[in-house]
Structures are given as C-alpha cells and as structure tokens.
C-alpha cells in the first residue's frame, strides 16, 4: 500500500514525486519552517502574514500578495 492509499498512487511513484518537493519540519510548538529558497521565490519577508487553507488531505499556503492578485 502506498503513502496515499485512496489515491491509487504506488509507493515508488509517491517517493519520486516527494523527492522533488521542498522539505521542512514541524517544531515542538507546531510551527512549520519555510525554507529560505521558498521565501526568496515567493518574496516572503520576516513578519509577513501568510494564510493557510485546508483542502481534504493537504494544506495550501498563501501570501497576502497572492490573495490580492486573485481578486
């Protein structure tokens, strides 16, 4: 059974996909560190607000700039 059993994705395919993702960790307080390279690409500065949307089995993180562009 793969990492996402309900999706029908095989474990080997899942690992190949995940290897292309940026990796981070959750600390003891539940905080997620956004890697420097990701912050640079998305122009996220220290103290800037980000918004988290829950979608079934994953989350999406938006910057205020991204939300303004969607309007």
PDB file of N, CA and C in Angstrom:
ATOM      1  N   UNK A   1       0.853  -1.177   0.000  1.00  0.00           N
ATOM      2  CA  UNK A   1       0.000   0.000   0.000  1.00  0.00           C
ATOM      3  C   UNK A   1       0.892   1.230   0.000  1.00  0.00           C
ATOM      4  N   UNK A   2       0.553   2.233  -0.801  1.00  0.00           N
ATOM      5  CA  UNK A   2       1.356   3.438  -0.926  1.00  0.00           C
ATOM      6  C   UNK A   2       1.102   4.441   0.174  1.00  0.00           C
ATOM      7  N   UNK A   3       1.759   5.554   0.057  1.00  0.00           N
ATOM      8  CA  UNK A   3       1.610   6.631   1.031  1.00  0.00           C
ATOM      9  C   UNK A   3       0.198   7.210   1.009  1.00  0.00           C
ATOM     10  N   UNK A   4      -0.404   7.245  -0.172  1.00  0.00           N
ATOM     11  CA  UNK A   4      -1.756   7.760  -0.338  1.00  0.00           C
ATOM     12  C   UNK A   4      -2.641   6.628  -0.841  1.00  0.00           C
ATOM     13  N   UNK A   5      -3.061   5.710   0.042  1.00  0.00           N
ATOM     14  CA  UNK A   5      -3.775   4.514  -0.391  1.00  0.00           C
ATOM     15  C   UNK A   5      -5.047   4.800  -1.169  1.00  0.00           C
ATOM     16  N   UNK A   6      -5.804   5.816  -0.819  1.00  0.00           N
ATOM     17  CA  UNK A   6      -7.065   6.089  -1.502  1.00  0.00           C
ATOM     18  C   UNK A   6      -6.865   6.690  -2.885  1.00  0.00           C
ATOM     19  N   UNK A   7      -5.650   7.178  -3.191  1.00  0.00           N
ATOM     20  CA  UNK A   7      -5.409   7.828  -4.473  1.00  0.00           C
ATOM     21  C   UNK A   7      -4.999   6.848  -5.561  1.00  0.00           C
ATOM     22  N   UNK A   8      -4.605   5.628  -5.176  1.00  0.00           N
ATOM     23  CA  UNK A   8      -4.158   4.660  -6.164  1.00  0.00           C
ATOM     24  C   UNK A   8      -2.722   4.880  -6.619  1.00  0.00           C
ATOM     25  N   UNK A   9      -2.004   5.812  -5.986  1.00  0.00           N
ATOM     26  CA  UNK A   9      -0.620   6.093  -6.343  1.00  0.00           C
ATOM     27  C   UNK A   9       0.270   5.051  -5.683  1.00  0.00           C
ATOM     28  N   UNK A  10       1.189   4.461  -6.447  1.00  0.00           N
ATOM     29  CA  UNK A  10       2.114   3.476  -5.902  1.00  0.00           C
ATOM     30  C   UNK A  10       3.179   4.164  -5.066  1.00  0.00           C
ATOM     31  N   UNK A  11       3.728   3.446  -4.088  1.00  0.00           N
ATOM     32  CA  UNK A  11       4.739   3.990  -3.180  1.00  0.00           C
ATOM     33  C   UNK A  11       5.946   4.506  -3.942  1.00  0.00           C
ATOM     34  N   UNK A  12       6.443   3.777  -4.944  1.00  0.00           N
ATOM     35  CA  UNK A  12       7.631   4.222  -5.680  1.00  0.00           C
ATOM     36  C   UNK A  12       7.361   5.525  -6.413  1.00  0.00           C
ATOM     37  N   UNK A  13       6.173   5.680  -6.986  1.00  0.00           N
ATOM     38  CA  UNK A  13       5.805   6.926  -7.671  1.00  0.00           C
ATOM     39  C   UNK A  13       5.709   8.066  -6.672  1.00  0.00           C
ATOM     40  N   UNK A  14       5.145   7.785  -5.517  1.00  0.00           N
ATOM     41  CA  UNK A  14       4.992   8.792  -4.475  1.00  0.00           C
ATOM     42  C   UNK A  14       6.354   9.304  -4.024  1.00  0.00           C
ATOM     43  N   UNK A  15       7.292   8.406  -3.801  1.00  0.00           N
ATOM     44  CA  UNK A  15       8.630   8.799  -3.354  1.00  0.00           C
ATOM     45  C   UNK A  15       9.307   9.659  -4.417  1.00  0.00           C
ATOM     46  N   UNK A  16       9.170   9.289  -5.684  1.00  0.00           N
ATOM     47  CA  UNK A  16       9.756  10.079  -6.765  1.00  0.00           C
ATOM     48  C   UNK A  16       9.188  11.496  -6.772  1.00  0.00           C
ATOM     49  N   UNK A  17       7.901  11.618  -6.570  1.00  0.00           N
ATOM     50  CA  UNK A  17       7.260  12.936  -6.544  1.00  0.00           C
ATOM     51  C   UNK A  17       7.728  13.730  -5.332  1.00  0.00           C
ATOM     52  N   UNK A  18       7.737  13.106  -4.156  1.00  0.00           N
ATOM     53  CA  UNK A  18       8.116  13.805  -2.930  1.00  0.00           C
ATOM     54  C   UNK A  18       9.561  14.275  -2.953  1.00  0.00           C
ATOM     55  N   UNK A  19      10.442  13.564  -3.648  1.00  0.00           N
ATOM     56  CA  UNK A  19      11.846  13.966  -3.736  1.00  0.00           C
ATOM     57  C   UNK A  19      12.010  15.302  -4.447  1.00  0.00           C
ATOM     58  N   UNK A  20      11.011  15.720  -5.217  1.00  0.00           N
ATOM     59  CA  UNK A  20      11.070  16.992  -5.940  1.00  0.00           C
ATOM     60  C   UNK A  20      10.529  18.151  -5.097  1.00  0.00           C
ATOM     61  N   UNK A  21       9.923  17.848  -3.962  1.00  0.00           N
ATOM     62  CA  UNK A  21       9.352  18.869  -3.091  1.00  0.00           C
ATOM     63  C   UNK A  21      10.432  19.490  -2.220  1.00  0.00           C
ATOM     64  N   UNK A  22      10.154  20.687  -1.724  1.00  0.00           N
ATOM     65  CA  UNK A  22      11.000  21.266  -0.680  1.00  0.00           C
ATOM     66  C   UNK A  22      10.655  20.533   0.608  1.00  0.00           C
ATOM     67  N   UNK A  23      11.658  20.286   1.420  1.00  0.00           N
ATOM     68  CA  UNK A  23      11.429  19.554   2.665  1.00  0.00           C
ATOM     69  C   UNK A  23      11.599  20.485   3.860  1.00  0.00           C
ATOM     70  N   UNK A  24      10.779  20.274   4.877  1.00  0.00           N
ATOM     71  CA  UNK A  24      10.848  21.065   6.091  1.00  0.00           C
ATOM     72  C   UNK A  24      10.362  20.201   7.242  1.00  0.00           C
ATOM     73  N   UNK A  25      10.262  20.781   8.410  1.00  0.00           N
ATOM     74  CA  UNK A  25       9.818  20.025   9.583  1.00  0.00           C
ATOM     75  C   UNK A  25       8.893  20.882  10.429  1.00  0.00           C
ATOM     76  N   UNK A  26       8.151  20.208  11.293  1.00  0.00           N
ATOM     77  CA  UNK A  26       7.293  20.883  12.257  1.00  0.00           C
ATOM     78  C   UNK A  26       8.019  20.837  13.593  1.00  0.00           C
ATOM     79  N   UNK A  27       8.140  22.011  14.259  1.00  0.00           N
ATOM     80  CA  UNK A  27       8.847  22.017  15.536  1.00  0.00           C
ATOM     81  C   UNK A  27       7.913  21.623  16.679  1.00  0.00           C
ATOM     82  N   UNK A  28       8.440  21.613  17.894  1.00  0.00           N
ATOM     83  CA  UNK A  28       7.682  21.145  19.051  1.00  0.00           C
ATOM     84  C   UNK A  28       6.453  22.007  19.353  1.00  0.00           C
ATOM     85  N   UNK A  29       6.408  23.242  18.813  1.00  0.00           N
ATOM     86  CA  UNK A  29       5.253  24.116  19.016  1.00  0.00           C
ATOM     87  C   UNK A  29       4.277  24.062  17.842  1.00  0.00           C
ATOM     88  N   UNK A  30       4.566  23.194  16.862  1.00  0.00           N
ATOM     89  CA  UNK A  30       3.666  23.045  15.723  1.00  0.00           C
ATOM     90  C   UNK A  30       3.950  23.995  14.583  1.00  0.00           C
ATOM     91  N   UNK A  31       5.067  24.725  14.664  1.00  0.00           N
ATOM     92  CA  UNK A  31       5.405  25.688  13.614  1.00  0.00           C
ATOM     93  C   UNK A  31       6.091  24.986  12.446  1.00  0.00           C
ATOM     94  N   UNK A  32       5.787  25.445  11.252  1.00  0.00           N
ATOM     95  CA  UNK A  32       6.411  24.917  10.049  1.00  0.00           C
ATOM     96  C   UNK A  32       7.394  25.958   9.536  1.00  0.00           C
ATOM     97  N   UNK A  33       8.628  25.543   9.345  1.00  0.00           N
ATOM     98  CA  UNK A  33       9.676  26.415   8.829  1.00  0.00           C
ATOM     99  C   UNK A  33       9.563  26.457   7.312  1.00  0.00           C
ATOM    100  N   UNK A  34       9.519  27.667   6.741  1.00  0.00           N
ATOM    101  CA  UNK A  34       9.504  27.816   5.287  1.00  0.00           C
ATOM    102  C   UNK A  34      10.957  28.015   4.848  1.00  0.00           C
ATOM    103  N   UNK A  35      11.494  27.091   4.050  1.00  0.00           N
ATOM    104  CA  UNK A  35      12.898  27.187   3.645  1.00  0.00           C
ATOM    105  C   UNK A  35      13.227  28.515   2.961  1.00  0.00           C
ATOM    106  N   UNK A  36      14.451  28.976   3.156  1.00  0.00           N
ATOM    107  CA  UNK A  36      14.901  30.253   2.624  1.00  0.00           C
ATOM    108  C   UNK A  36      14.672  30.357   1.115  1.00  0.00           C
ATOM    109  N   UNK A  37      14.952  29.294   0.386  1.00  0.00           N
ATOM    110  CA  UNK A  37      14.782  29.316  -1.067  1.00  0.00           C
ATOM    111  C   UNK A  37      13.316  29.554  -1.443  1.00  0.00           C
ATOM    112  N   UNK A  38      12.393  28.960  -0.700  1.00  0.00           N
ATOM    113  CA  UNK A  38      10.963  29.156  -0.957  1.00  0.00           C
ATOM    114  C   UNK A  38      10.570  30.589  -0.638  1.00  0.00           C
ATOM    115  N   UNK A  39      11.048  31.120   0.508  1.00  0.00           N
ATOM    116  CA  UNK A  39      10.735  32.506   0.872  1.00  0.00           C
ATOM    117  C   UNK A  39      11.260  33.470  -0.189  1.00  0.00           C
ATOM    118  N   UNK A  40      12.429  33.188  -0.718  1.00  0.00           N
ATOM    119  CA  UNK A  40      13.026  34.046  -1.747  1.00  0.00           C
ATOM    120  C   UNK A  40      12.189  34.018  -3.027  1.00  0.00           C
ATOM    121  N   UNK A  41      11.794  32.833  -3.461  1.00  0.00           N
ATOM    122  CA  UNK A  41      10.990  32.689  -4.680  1.00  0.00           C
ATOM    123  C   UNK A  41       9.654  33.412  -4.534  1.00  0.00           C
ATOM    124  N   UNK A  42       9.016  33.290  -3.359  1.00  0.00           N
ATOM    125  CA  UNK A  42       7.690  33.872  -3.135  1.00  0.00           C
ATOM    126  C   UNK A  42       7.738  35.284  -2.558  1.00  0.00           C
ATOM    127  N   UNK A  43       8.950  35.811  -2.388  1.00  0.00           N
ATOM    128  CA  UNK A  43       9.151  37.170  -1.855  1.00  0.00           C
ATOM    129  C   UNK A  43       8.502  37.342  -0.485  1.00  0.00           C
ATOM    130  N   UNK A  44       8.622  36.327   0.362  1.00  0.00           N
ATOM    131  CA  UNK A  44       8.065  36.387   1.714  1.00  0.00           C
ATOM    132  C   UNK A  44       9.120  36.981   2.641  1.00  0.00           C
ATOM    133  N   UNK A  45       8.755  38.063   3.315  1.00  0.00           N
ATOM    134  CA  UNK A  45       9.659  38.747   4.242  1.00  0.00           C
ATOM    135  C   UNK A  45       9.309  38.392   5.682  1.00  0.00           C
ATOM    136  N   UNK A  46      10.276  38.576   6.574  1.00  0.00           N
ATOM    137  CA  UNK A  46      10.056  38.319   8.002  1.00  0.00           C
ATOM    138  C   UNK A  46       8.890  39.158   8.514  1.00  0.00           C
ATOM    139  N   UNK A  47       8.002  38.534   9.269  1.00  0.00           N
ATOM    140  CA  UNK A  47       6.867  39.225   9.858  1.00  0.00           C
ATOM    141  C   UNK A  47       5.651  39.315   8.952  1.00  0.00           C
ATOM    142  N   UNK A  48       5.796  38.922   7.695  1.00  0.00           N
ATOM    143  CA  UNK A  48       4.679  38.979   6.754  1.00  0.00           C
ATOM    144  C   UNK A  48       3.665  37.890   7.084  1.00  0.00           C
ATOM    145  N   UNK A  49       2.405  38.208   6.938  1.00  0.00           N
ATOM    146  CA  UNK A  49       1.351  37.230   7.205  1.00  0.00           C
ATOM    147  C   UNK A  49       1.219  36.272   6.028  1.00  0.00           C
ATOM    148  N   UNK A  50       0.967  35.001   6.373  1.00  0.00           N
ATOM    149  CA  UNK A  50       0.619  34.006   5.372  1.00  0.00           C
ATOM    150  C   UNK A  50      -0.711  33.399   5.801  1.00  0.00           C
ATOM    151  N   UNK A  51      -1.431  32.855   4.859  1.00  0.00           N
ATOM    152  CA  UNK A  51      -2.758  32.310   5.110  1.00  0.00           C
ATOM    153  C   UNK A  51      -2.767  30.846   4.711  1.00  0.00           C
ATOM    154  N   UNK A  52      -3.348  29.996   5.566  1.00  0.00           N
ATOM    155  CA  UNK A  52      -3.371  28.561   5.348  1.00  0.00           C
ATOM    156  C   UNK A  52      -4.803  28.120   5.067  1.00  0.00           C
ATOM    157  N   UNK A  53      -4.954  27.355   3.981  1.00  0.00           N
ATOM    158  CA  UNK A  53      -6.257  26.808   3.621  1.00  0.00           C
ATOM    159  C   UNK A  53      -6.157  25.286   3.689  1.00  0.00           C
ATOM    160  N   UNK A  54      -7.108  24.660   4.366  1.00  0.00           N
ATOM    161  CA  UNK A  54      -7.140  23.210   4.472  1.00  0.00           C
ATOM    162  C   UNK A  54      -7.970  22.667   3.319  1.00  0.00           C
ATOM    163  N   UNK A  55      -7.402  21.711   2.581  1.00  0.00           N
ATOM    164  CA  UNK A  55      -8.100  21.068   1.465  1.00  0.00           C
ATOM    165  C   UNK A  55      -7.957  19.554   1.597  1.00  0.00           C
ATOM    166  N   UNK A  56      -8.983  18.891   2.032  1.00  0.00           N
ATOM    167  CA  UNK A  56      -9.044  17.437   2.230  1.00  0.00           C
ATOM    168  C   UNK A  56      -7.801  16.905   2.939  1.00  0.00           C
ATOM    169  N   UNK A  57      -6.782  16.463   2.193  1.00  0.00           N
ATOM    170  CA  UNK A  57      -5.625  15.815   2.810  1.00  0.00           C
ATOM    171  C   UNK A  57      -4.349  16.634   2.707  1.00  0.00           C
ATOM    172  N   UNK A  58      -4.464  17.944   2.438  1.00  0.00           N
ATOM    173  CA  UNK A  58      -3.276  18.792   2.328  1.00  0.00           C
ATOM    174  C   UNK A  58      -3.627  20.241   2.674  1.00  0.00           C
ATOM    175  N   UNK A  59      -2.607  21.058   2.779  1.00  0.00           N
ATOM    176  CA  UNK A  59      -2.828  22.485   3.039  1.00  0.00           C
ATOM    177  C   UNK A  59      -2.226  23.298   1.901  1.00  0.00           C
ATOM    178  N   UNK A  60      -2.756  24.501   1.718  1.00  0.00           N
ATOM    179  CA  UNK A  60      -2.187  25.459   0.780  1.00  0.00           C
ATOM    180  C   UNK A  60      -1.837  26.702   1.589  1.00  0.00           C
ATOM    181  N   UNK A  61      -0.696  27.293   1.283  1.00  0.00           N
ATOM    182  CA  UNK A  61      -0.252  28.489   1.988  1.00  0.00           C
ATOM    183  C   UNK A  61      -0.239  29.638   0.989  1.00  0.00           C
ATOM    184  N   UNK A  62      -0.891  30.735   1.360  1.00  0.00           N
ATOM    185  CA  UNK A  62      -0.978  31.910   0.503  1.00  0.00           C
ATOM    186  C   UNK A  62      -0.308  33.097   1.176  1.00  0.00           C
ATOM    187  N   UNK A  63       0.290  33.955   0.389  1.00  0.00           N
ATOM    188  CA  UNK A  63       0.787  35.229   0.899  1.00  0.00           C
ATOM    189  C   UNK A  63      -0.302  36.271   0.667  1.00  0.00           C
ATOM    190  N   UNK A  64      -0.219  37.395   1.360  1.00  0.00           N
ATOM    191  CA  UNK A  64      -1.179  38.466   1.154  1.00  0.00           C
ATOM    192  C   UNK A  64      -1.111  38.949  -0.293  1.00  0.00           C
ATOM    193  N   UNK A  65       0.102  39.006  -0.852  1.00  0.00           N
ATOM    194  CA  UNK A  65       0.263  39.437  -2.248  1.00  0.00           C
ATOM    195  C   UNK A  65      -0.477  38.501  -3.195  1.00  0.00           C
ATOM    196  N   UNK A  66      -0.384  37.216  -2.965  1.00  0.00           N
ATOM    197  CA  UNK A  66      -1.043  36.229  -3.826  1.00  0.00           C
ATOM    198  C   UNK A  66      -2.566  36.382  -3.752  1.00  0.00           C
ATOM    199  N   UNK A  67      -3.092  36.637  -2.558  1.00  0.00           N
ATOM    200  CA  UNK A  67      -4.530  36.800  -2.404  1.00  0.00           C
ATOM    201  C   UNK A  67      -5.004  38.067  -3.118  1.00  0.00           C
ATOM    202  N   UNK A  68      -4.230  39.130  -3.077  1.00  0.00           N
ATOM    203  CA  UNK A  68      -4.591  40.368  -3.773  1.00  0.00           C
ATOM    204  C   UNK A  68      -4.622  40.149  -5.282  1.00  0.00           C
ATOM    205  N   UNK A  69      -3.706  39.339  -5.798  1.00  0.00           N
ATOM    206  CA  UNK A  69      -3.638  39.073  -7.236  1.00  0.00           C
ATOM    207  C   UNK A  69      -4.823  38.232  -7.710  1.00  0.00           C
ATOM    208  N   UNK A  70      -5.428  37.450  -6.829  1.00  0.00           N
ATOM    209  CA  UNK A  70      -6.558  36.597  -7.198  1.00  0.00           C
ATOM    210  C   UNK A  70      -7.849  37.378  -7.355  1.00  0.00           C
ATOM    211  N   UNK A  71      -7.914  38.559  -6.809  1.00  0.00           N
ATOM    212  CA  UNK A  71      -9.157  39.363  -6.872  1.00  0.00           C
ATOM    213  C   UNK A  71      -9.412  39.921  -8.234  1.00  0.00           C
TER     214      UNK A  71
END
